[in-house]
PDB file of N, CA and C in Angstrom:
ATOM      1  N   MET A   1      19.791  20.510 -11.357  1.00  0.00           N
ATOM      2  CA  MET A   1      18.964  20.802 -10.212  1.00  0.00           C
ATOM      3  C   MET A   1      18.670  19.499  -9.478  1.00  0.00           C
ATOM      4  N   SER A   2      18.863  19.468  -8.163  1.00  0.00           N
ATOM      5  CA  SER A   2      18.635  18.254  -7.395  1.00  0.00           C
ATOM      6  C   SER A   2      17.172  18.146  -6.960  1.00  0.00           C
ATOM      7  N   LYS A   3      16.746  16.904  -6.793  1.00  0.00           N
ATOM      8  CA  LYS A   3      15.370  16.649  -6.372  1.00  0.00           C
ATOM      9  C   LYS A   3      15.212  17.009  -4.899  1.00  0.00           C
ATOM     10  N   LYS A   4      14.120  17.675  -4.571  1.00  0.00           N
ATOM     11  CA  LYS A   4      13.846  18.068  -3.196  1.00  0.00           C
ATOM     12  C   LYS A   4      13.492  16.837  -2.369  1.00  0.00           C
ATOM     13  N   ALA A   5      14.093  16.724  -1.196  1.00  0.00           N
ATOM     14  CA  ALA A   5      13.828  15.587  -0.315  1.00  0.00           C
ATOM     15  C   ALA A   5      12.408  15.648   0.228  1.00  0.00           C
ATOM     16  N   GLY A   6      11.807  14.474   0.381  1.00  0.00           N
ATOM     17  CA  GLY A   6      10.459  14.393   0.926  1.00  0.00           C
ATOM     18  C   GLY A   6      10.441  14.691   2.422  1.00  0.00           C
ATOM     19  N   LEU A   7       9.265  14.964   2.909  1.00  0.00           N
ATOM     20  CA  LEU A   7       9.072  15.215   4.331  1.00  0.00           C
ATOM     21  C   LEU A   7       9.020  13.911   5.109  1.00  0.00           C
ATOM     22  N   LYS A   8       9.323  13.984   6.389  1.00  0.00           N
ATOM     23  CA  LYS A   8       9.104  12.890   7.322  1.00  0.00           C
ATOM     24  C   LYS A   8       7.977  13.357   8.235  1.00  0.00           C
ATOM     25  N   ILE A   9       6.812  12.737   8.086  1.00  0.00           N
ATOM     26  CA  ILE A   9       5.616  13.158   8.804  1.00  0.00           C
ATOM     27  C   ILE A   9       5.331  12.156   9.902  1.00  0.00           C
ATOM     28  N   GLY A  10       5.305  12.611  11.151  1.00  0.00           N
ATOM     29  CA  GLY A  10       4.993  11.757  12.293  1.00  0.00           C
ATOM     30  C   GLY A  10       3.536  11.919  12.683  1.00  0.00           C
ATOM     31  N   LEU A  11       2.836  10.793  12.816  1.00  0.00           N
ATOM     32  CA  LEU A  11       1.431  10.804  13.190  1.00  0.00           C
ATOM     33  C   LEU A  11       1.205   9.900  14.399  1.00  0.00           C
ATOM     34  N   ASP A  12       0.564  10.439  15.415  1.00  0.00           N
ATOM     35  CA  ASP A  12       0.192   9.646  16.586  1.00  0.00           C
ATOM     36  C   ASP A  12      -0.966   8.735  16.198  1.00  0.00           C
ATOM     37  N   PHE A  13      -0.887   7.476  16.591  1.00  0.00           N
ATOM     38  CA  PHE A  13      -1.948   6.555  16.210  1.00  0.00           C
ATOM     39  C   PHE A  13      -3.196   6.720  17.075  1.00  0.00           C
ATOM     40  N   HIS A  14      -3.056   6.483  18.380  1.00  0.00           N
ATOM     41  CA  HIS A  14      -4.222   6.488  19.267  1.00  0.00           C
ATOM     42  C   HIS A  14      -4.747   7.906  19.474  1.00  0.00           C
ATOM     43  N   GLY A  15      -5.998   8.122  19.113  1.00  0.00           N
ATOM     44  CA  GLY A  15      -6.626   9.420  19.302  1.00  0.00           C
ATOM     45  C   GLY A  15      -6.439  10.384  18.150  1.00  0.00           C
ATOM     46  N   VAL A  16      -5.574  10.061  17.209  1.00  0.00           N
ATOM     47  CA  VAL A  16      -5.389  10.918  16.032  1.00  0.00           C
ATOM     48  C   VAL A  16      -5.776  10.088  14.801  1.00  0.00           C
ATOM     49  N   VAL A  17      -4.871   9.214  14.349  1.00  0.00           N
ATOM     50  CA  VAL A  17      -5.188   8.370  13.193  1.00  0.00           C
ATOM     51  C   VAL A  17      -6.412   7.507  13.485  1.00  0.00           C
ATOM     52  N   SER A  18      -6.464   6.922  14.680  1.00  0.00           N
ATOM     53  CA  SER A  18      -7.585   6.038  15.020  1.00  0.00           C
ATOM     54  C   SER A  18      -8.917   6.786  15.114  1.00  0.00           C
ATOM     55  N   ALA A  19      -8.867   8.080  15.350  1.00  0.00           N
ATOM     56  CA  ALA A  19     -10.099   8.875  15.456  1.00  0.00           C
ATOM     57  C   ALA A  19     -10.671   9.237  14.083  1.00  0.00           C
ATOM     58  N   ARG A  20      -9.825   9.300  13.052  1.00  0.00           N
ATOM     59  CA  ARG A  20     -10.279   9.694  11.704  1.00  0.00           C
ATOM     60  C   ARG A  20      -9.613   8.811  10.642  1.00  0.00           C
ATOM     61  N   PRO A  21      -9.835   7.507  10.712  1.00  0.00           N
ATOM     62  CA  PRO A  21      -9.118   6.600   9.806  1.00  0.00           C
ATOM     63  C   PRO A  21      -9.393   6.836   8.321  1.00  0.00           C
ATOM     64  N   LYS A  22     -10.605   7.218   7.952  1.00  0.00           N
ATOM     65  CA  LYS A  22     -10.889   7.457   6.529  1.00  0.00           C
ATOM     66  C   LYS A  22     -10.085   8.647   6.011  1.00  0.00           C
ATOM     67  N   TYR A  23     -10.022   9.701   6.813  1.00  0.00           N
ATOM     68  CA  TYR A  23      -9.234  10.880   6.423  1.00  0.00           C
ATOM     69  C   TYR A  23      -7.758  10.492   6.273  1.00  0.00           C
ATOM     70  N   PHE A  24      -7.216   9.794   7.279  1.00  0.00           N
ATOM     71  CA  PHE A  24      -5.792   9.472   7.241  1.00  0.00           C
ATOM     72  C   PHE A  24      -5.459   8.426   6.183  1.00  0.00           C
ATOM     73  N   ALA A  25      -6.398   7.595   5.796  1.00  0.00           N
ATOM     74  CA  ALA A  25      -6.150   6.668   4.684  1.00  0.00           C
ATOM     75  C   ALA A  25      -5.885   7.469   3.412  1.00  0.00           C
ATOM     76  N   ARG A  26      -6.698   8.489   3.168  1.00  0.00           N
ATOM     77  CA  ARG A  26      -6.505   9.330   1.979  1.00  0.00           C
ATOM     78  C   ARG A  26      -5.227  10.162   2.108  1.00  0.00           C
ATOM     79  N   PHE A  27      -5.036  10.774   3.284  1.00  0.00           N
ATOM     80  CA  PHE A  27      -3.876  11.645   3.506  1.00  0.00           C
ATOM     81  C   PHE A  27      -2.563  10.879   3.336  1.00  0.00           C
ATOM     82  N   THR A  28      -2.462   9.716   3.995  1.00  0.00           N
ATOM     83  CA  THR A  28      -1.196   8.978   3.952  1.00  0.00           C
ATOM     84  C   THR A  28      -0.926   8.401   2.563  1.00  0.00           C
ATOM     85  N   ALA A  29      -1.965   7.961   1.874  1.00  0.00           N
ATOM     86  CA  ALA A  29      -1.771   7.440   0.516  1.00  0.00           C
ATOM     87  C   ALA A  29      -1.201   8.533  -0.390  1.00  0.00           C
ATOM     88  N   GLU A  30      -1.749   9.715  -0.284  1.00  0.00           N
ATOM     89  CA  GLU A  30      -1.276  10.829  -1.113  1.00  0.00           C
ATOM     90  C   GLU A  30       0.137  11.266  -0.706  1.00  0.00           C
ATOM     91  N   ALA A  31       0.395  11.313   0.592  1.00  0.00           N
ATOM     92  CA  ALA A  31       1.724  11.720   1.059  1.00  0.00           C
ATOM     93  C   ALA A  31       2.794  10.747   0.579  1.00  0.00           C
ATOM     94  N   VAL A  32       2.533   9.456   0.710  1.00  0.00           N
ATOM     95  CA  VAL A  32       3.500   8.452   0.252  1.00  0.00           C
ATOM     96  C   VAL A  32       3.648   8.524  -1.271  1.00  0.00           C
ATOM     97  N   ARG A  33       2.551   8.710  -1.981  1.00  0.00           N
ATOM     98  CA  ARG A  33       2.602   8.839  -3.443  1.00  0.00           C
ATOM     99  C   ARG A  33       3.509   9.992  -3.855  1.00  0.00           C
ATOM    100  N   ARG A  34       3.496  11.060  -3.061  1.00  0.00           N
ATOM    101  CA  ARG A  34       4.328  12.235  -3.365  1.00  0.00           C
ATOM    102  C   ARG A  34       5.764  12.097  -2.870  1.00  0.00           C
ATOM    103  N   GLY A  35       6.118  10.967  -2.272  1.00  0.00           N
ATOM    104  CA  GLY A  35       7.491  10.718  -1.855  1.00  0.00           C
ATOM    105  C   GLY A  35       7.815  11.065  -0.418  1.00  0.00           C
ATOM    106  N   HIS A  36       6.806  11.302   0.394  1.00  0.00           N
ATOM    107  CA  HIS A  36       7.029  11.607   1.804  1.00  0.00           C
ATOM    108  C   HIS A  36       7.005  10.323   2.632  1.00  0.00           C
ATOM    109  N   GLU A  37       7.637  10.380   3.788  1.00  0.00           N
ATOM    110  CA  GLU A  37       7.620   9.253   4.721  1.00  0.00           C
ATOM    111  C   GLU A  37       6.539   9.492   5.767  1.00  0.00           C
ATOM    112  N   ILE A  38       5.840   8.424   6.140  1.00  0.00           N
ATOM    113  CA  ILE A  38       4.840   8.491   7.201  1.00  0.00           C
ATOM    114  C   ILE A  38       5.336   7.619   8.342  1.00  0.00           C
ATOM    115  N   HIS A  39       5.566   8.236   9.491  1.00  0.00           N
ATOM    116  CA  HIS A  39       6.026   7.537  10.689  1.00  0.00           C
ATOM    117  C   HIS A  39       4.867   7.515  11.684  1.00  0.00           C
ATOM    118  N   ILE A  40       4.418   6.322  12.040  1.00  0.00           N
ATOM    119  CA  ILE A  40       3.341   6.163  13.008  1.00  0.00           C
ATOM    120  C   ILE A  40       3.968   6.034  14.387  1.00  0.00           C
ATOM    121  N   ILE A  41       3.496   6.836  15.319  1.00  0.00           N
ATOM    122  CA  ILE A  41       4.014   6.856  16.691  1.00  0.00           C
ATOM    123  C   ILE A  41       2.914   6.339  17.606  1.00  0.00           C
ATOM    124  N   THR A  42       3.270   5.352  18.442  1.00  0.00           N
ATOM    125  CA  THR A  42       2.267   4.706  19.272  1.00  0.00           C
ATOM    126  C   THR A  42       2.882   4.191  20.563  1.00  0.00           C
ATOM    127  N   GLY A  43       2.022   3.917  21.514  1.00  0.00           N
ATOM    128  CA  GLY A  43       2.456   3.245  22.730  1.00  0.00           C
ATOM    129  C   GLY A  43       2.753   1.783  22.442  1.00  0.00           C
ATOM    130  N   GLY A  44       2.060   1.236  21.469  1.00  0.00           N
ATOM    131  CA  GLY A  44       2.313  -0.130  21.042  1.00  0.00           C
ATOM    132  C   GLY A  44       1.293  -1.109  21.584  1.00  0.00           C
ATOM    133  N   PRO A  45       1.542  -2.349  21.367  1.00  0.00           N
ATOM    134  CA  PRO A  45       2.664  -2.932  20.627  1.00  0.00           C
ATOM    135  C   PRO A  45       2.510  -2.749  19.116  1.00  0.00           C
ATOM    136  N   SER A  46       3.628  -2.723  18.419  1.00  0.00           N
ATOM    137  CA  SER A  46       3.613  -2.392  17.000  1.00  0.00           C
ATOM    138  C   SER A  46       2.845  -3.406  16.156  1.00  0.00           C
ATOM    139  N   GLN A  47       2.877  -4.686  16.518  1.00  0.00           N
ATOM    140  CA  GLN A  47       2.160  -5.697  15.730  1.00  0.00           C
ATOM    141  C   GLN A  47       0.655  -5.451  15.749  1.00  0.00           C
ATOM    142  N   VAL A  48       0.129  -5.060  16.897  1.00  0.00           N
ATOM    143  CA  VAL A  48      -1.305  -4.784  17.021  1.00  0.00           C
ATOM    144  C   VAL A  48      -1.659  -3.540  16.207  1.00  0.00           C
ATOM    145  N   VAL A  49      -0.840  -2.514  16.316  1.00  0.00           N
ATOM    146  CA  VAL A  49      -1.091  -1.266  15.583  1.00  0.00           C
ATOM    147  C   VAL A  49      -0.948  -1.498  14.080  1.00  0.00           C
ATOM    148  N   ALA A  50       0.040  -2.285  13.662  1.00  0.00           N
ATOM    149  CA  ALA A  50       0.212  -2.578  12.232  1.00  0.00           C
ATOM    150  C   ALA A  50      -1.030  -3.270  11.668  1.00  0.00           C
ATOM    151  N   ALA A  51      -1.624  -4.171  12.429  1.00  0.00           N
ATOM    152  CA  ALA A  51      -2.849  -4.844  11.979  1.00  0.00           C
ATOM    153  C   ALA A  51      -3.992  -3.845  11.827  1.00  0.00           C
ATOM    154  N   GLN A  52      -4.091  -2.903  12.755  1.00  0.00           N
ATOM    155  CA  GLN A  52      -5.132  -1.881  12.662  1.00  0.00           C
ATOM    156  C   GLN A  52      -4.882  -0.955  11.469  1.00  0.00           C
ATOM    157  N   LEU A  53      -3.640  -0.615  11.223  1.00  0.00           N
ATOM    158  CA  LEU A  53      -3.302   0.236  10.074  1.00  0.00           C
ATOM    159  C   LEU A  53      -3.692  -0.445   8.759  1.00  0.00           C
ATOM    160  N   ARG A  54      -3.436  -1.755   8.678  1.00  0.00           N
ATOM    161  CA  ARG A  54      -3.840  -2.495   7.477  1.00  0.00           C
ATOM    162  C   ARG A  54      -5.359  -2.487   7.322  1.00  0.00           C
ATOM    163  N   ARG A  55      -6.058  -2.708   8.423  1.00  0.00           N
ATOM    164  CA  ARG A  55      -7.526  -2.730   8.386  1.00  0.00           C
ATOM    165  C   ARG A  55      -8.085  -1.381   7.954  1.00  0.00           C
ATOM    166  N   TYR A  56      -7.445  -0.290   8.388  1.00  0.00           N
ATOM    167  CA  TYR A  56      -7.873   1.064   8.029  1.00  0.00           C
ATOM    168  C   TYR A  56      -7.323   1.525   6.671  1.00  0.00           C
ATOM    169  N   HIS A  57      -6.434   0.730   6.052  1.00  0.00           N
ATOM    170  CA  HIS A  57      -5.789   1.087   4.781  1.00  0.00           C
ATOM    171  C   HIS A  57      -4.934   2.352   4.911  1.00  0.00           C
ATOM    172  N   ILE A  58      -4.192   2.432   6.026  1.00  0.00           N
ATOM    173  CA  ILE A  58      -3.296   3.561   6.277  1.00  0.00           C
ATOM    174  C   ILE A  58      -1.909   3.210   5.718  1.00  0.00           C
ATOM    175  N   ALA A  59      -1.404   4.036   4.826  1.00  0.00           N
ATOM    176  CA  ALA A  59      -0.056   3.850   4.297  1.00  0.00           C
ATOM    177  C   ALA A  59       0.951   4.402   5.311  1.00  0.00           C
ATOM    178  N   TYR A  60       2.057   3.695   5.495  1.00  0.00           N
ATOM    179  CA  TYR A  60       3.082   4.185   6.418  1.00  0.00           C
ATOM    180  C   TYR A  60       4.435   3.645   6.016  1.00  0.00           C
ATOM    181  N   THR A  61       5.468   4.325   6.488  1.00  0.00           N
ATOM    182  CA  THR A  61       6.836   3.930   6.207  1.00  0.00           C
ATOM    183  C   THR A  61       7.441   3.180   7.383  1.00  0.00           C
ATOM    184  N   LYS A  62       7.204   3.699   8.602  1.00  0.00           N
ATOM    185  CA  LYS A  62       7.768   3.111   9.819  1.00  0.00           C
ATOM    186  C   LYS A  62       6.777   3.254  10.962  1.00  0.00           C
ATOM    187  N   ILE A  63       6.922   2.364  11.940  1.00  0.00           N
ATOM    188  CA  ILE A  63       6.165   2.470  13.186  1.00  0.00           C
ATOM    189  C   ILE A  63       7.181   2.575  14.320  1.00  0.00           C
ATOM    190  N   PHE A  64       6.965   3.534  15.210  1.00  0.00           N
ATOM    191  CA  PHE A  64       7.748   3.595  16.443  1.00  0.00           C
ATOM    192  C   PHE A  64       6.785   3.339  17.582  1.00  0.00           C
ATOM    193  N   ALA A  65       7.021   2.235  18.317  1.00  0.00           N
ATOM    194  CA  ALA A  65       6.182   1.873  19.448  1.00  0.00           C
ATOM    195  C   ALA A  65       7.005   1.968  20.730  1.00  0.00           C
ATOM    196  N   VAL A  66       6.534   2.755  21.658  1.00  0.00           N
ATOM    197  CA  VAL A  66       7.234   2.939  22.930  1.00  0.00           C
ATOM    198  C   VAL A  66       7.432   1.595  23.632  1.00  0.00           C
ATOM    199  N   LEU A  67       6.381   0.763  23.655  1.00  0.00           N
ATOM    200  CA  LEU A  67       6.477  -0.546  24.310  1.00  0.00           C
ATOM    201  C   LEU A  67       7.593  -1.386  23.697  1.00  0.00           C
ATOM    202  N   ASP A  68       7.664  -1.439  22.391  1.00  0.00           N
ATOM    203  CA  ASP A  68       8.702  -2.232  21.722  1.00  0.00           C
ATOM    204  C   ASP A  68      10.099  -1.708  22.044  1.00  0.00           C
ATOM    205  N   TYR A  69      10.222  -0.396  22.111  1.00  0.00           N
ATOM    206  CA  TYR A  69      11.512   0.231  22.427  1.00  0.00           C
ATOM    207  C   TYR A  69      12.021  -0.237  23.789  1.00  0.00           C
ATOM    208  N   TYR A  70      11.156  -0.170  24.795  1.00  0.00           N
ATOM    209  CA  TYR A  70      11.562  -0.580  26.143  1.00  0.00           C
ATOM    210  C   TYR A  70      11.654  -2.092  26.281  1.00  0.00           C
ATOM    211  N   ASP A  71      10.825  -2.825  25.565  1.00  0.00           N
ATOM    212  CA  ASP A  71      10.882  -4.280  25.612  1.00  0.00           C
ATOM    213  C   ASP A  71      12.216  -4.780  25.077  1.00  0.00           C
ATOM    214  N   ALA A  72      12.715  -4.171  24.016  1.00  0.00           N
ATOM    215  CA  ALA A  72      14.003  -4.557  23.435  1.00  0.00           C
ATOM    216  C   ALA A  72      15.148  -4.323  24.411  1.00  0.00           C
ATOM    217  N   ARG A  73      14.935  -3.467  25.377  1.00  0.00           N
ATOM    218  CA  ARG A  73      15.951  -3.174  26.388  1.00  0.00           C
ATOM    219  C   ARG A  73      15.719  -3.950  27.679  1.00  0.00           C
ATOM    220  N   GLY A  74      14.714  -4.841  27.674  1.00  0.00           N
ATOM    221  CA  GLY A  74      14.434  -5.658  28.851  1.00  0.00           C
ATOM    222  C   GLY A  74      13.844  -4.871  30.004  1.00  0.00           C
ATOM    223  N   GLN A  75      13.156  -3.775  29.714  1.00  0.00           N
ATOM    224  CA  GLN A  75      12.639  -2.909  30.766  1.00  0.00           C
ATOM    225  C   GLN A  75      11.122  -2.970  30.923  1.00  0.00           C
ATOM    226  N   VAL A  76      10.490  -4.022  30.383  1.00  0.00           N
ATOM    227  CA  VAL A  76       9.046  -4.155  30.500  1.00  0.00           C
ATOM    228  C   VAL A  76       8.742  -5.356  31.387  1.00  0.00           C
ATOM    229  N   THR A  77       7.841  -5.164  32.330  1.00  0.00           N
ATOM    230  CA  THR A  77       7.364  -6.260  33.165  1.00  0.00           C
ATOM    231  C   THR A  77       5.982  -6.656  32.649  1.00  0.00           C
ATOM    232  N   TYR A  78       5.831  -7.937  32.292  1.00  0.00           N
ATOM    233  CA  TYR A  78       4.558  -8.456  31.799  1.00  0.00           C
ATOM    234  C   TYR A  78       3.871  -9.231  32.911  1.00  0.00           C
ATOM    235  N   PHE A  79       2.556  -9.121  32.966  1.00  0.00           N
ATOM    236  CA  PHE A  79       1.757  -9.806  33.977  1.00  0.00           C
ATOM    237  C   PHE A  79       0.883 -10.870  33.320  1.00  0.00           C
ATOM    238  N   ASP A  80       0.473 -11.873  34.106  1.00  0.00           N
ATOM    239  CA  ASP A  80      -0.322 -12.992  33.592  1.00  0.00           C
ATOM    240  C   ASP A  80      -1.651 -12.562  32.983  1.00  0.00           C
ATOM    241  N   ASN A  81      -2.200 -11.430  33.431  1.00  0.00           N
ATOM    242  CA  ASN A  81      -3.509 -10.966  32.922  1.00  0.00           C
ATOM    243  C   ASN A  81      -3.373 -10.206  31.605  1.00  0.00           C
ATOM    244  N   GLY A  82      -2.167 -10.137  31.040  1.00  0.00           N
ATOM    245  CA  GLY A  82      -1.958  -9.448  29.767  1.00  0.00           C
ATOM    246  C   GLY A  82      -1.512  -8.001  29.917  1.00  0.00           C
ATOM    247  N   GLU A  83      -1.551  -7.478  31.112  1.00  0.00           N
ATOM    248  CA  GLU A  83      -1.095  -6.118  31.331  1.00  0.00           C
ATOM    249  C   GLU A  83       0.422  -6.075  31.388  1.00  0.00           C
ATOM    250  N   TYR A  84       0.958  -4.894  31.276  1.00  0.00           N
ATOM    251  CA  TYR A  84       2.407  -4.723  31.358  1.00  0.00           C
ATOM    252  C   TYR A  84       2.711  -3.381  31.998  1.00  0.00           C
ATOM    253  N   LYS A  85       3.950  -3.258  32.461  1.00  0.00           N
ATOM    254  CA  LYS A  85       4.387  -2.013  33.101  1.00  0.00           C
ATOM    255  C   LYS A  85       5.746  -1.621  32.546  1.00  0.00           C
ATOM    256  N   VAL A  86       5.853  -0.355  32.186  1.00  0.00           N
ATOM    257  CA  VAL A  86       7.118   0.212  31.738  1.00  0.00           C
ATOM    258  C   VAL A  86       7.509   1.247  32.774  1.00  0.00           C
ATOM    259  N   PRO A  87       8.696   1.112  33.379  1.00  0.00           N
ATOM    260  CA  PRO A  87       9.069   2.096  34.436  1.00  0.00           C
ATOM    261  C   PRO A  87       9.237   3.510  33.896  1.00  0.00           C
TER     262      PRO A  87
END
């Protein structure tokens, strides 16, 4: 008998995980313990979100950040005031 593959669970960071960090710390720890993947989905940037995830003790497998995706393709315009624009 083969082992059943774990789930891939996608969680939005802003407004979901960030709204209930204590709940998601417990949820993600248990999900990862059971062999599931936790994918954090965010606008980004991923480094900032990763720091927040560590502070909240959120277990995760991968982060997908929209900003990083477009930045890697050279499609982000950055401004001196720290703001940025993605077309």
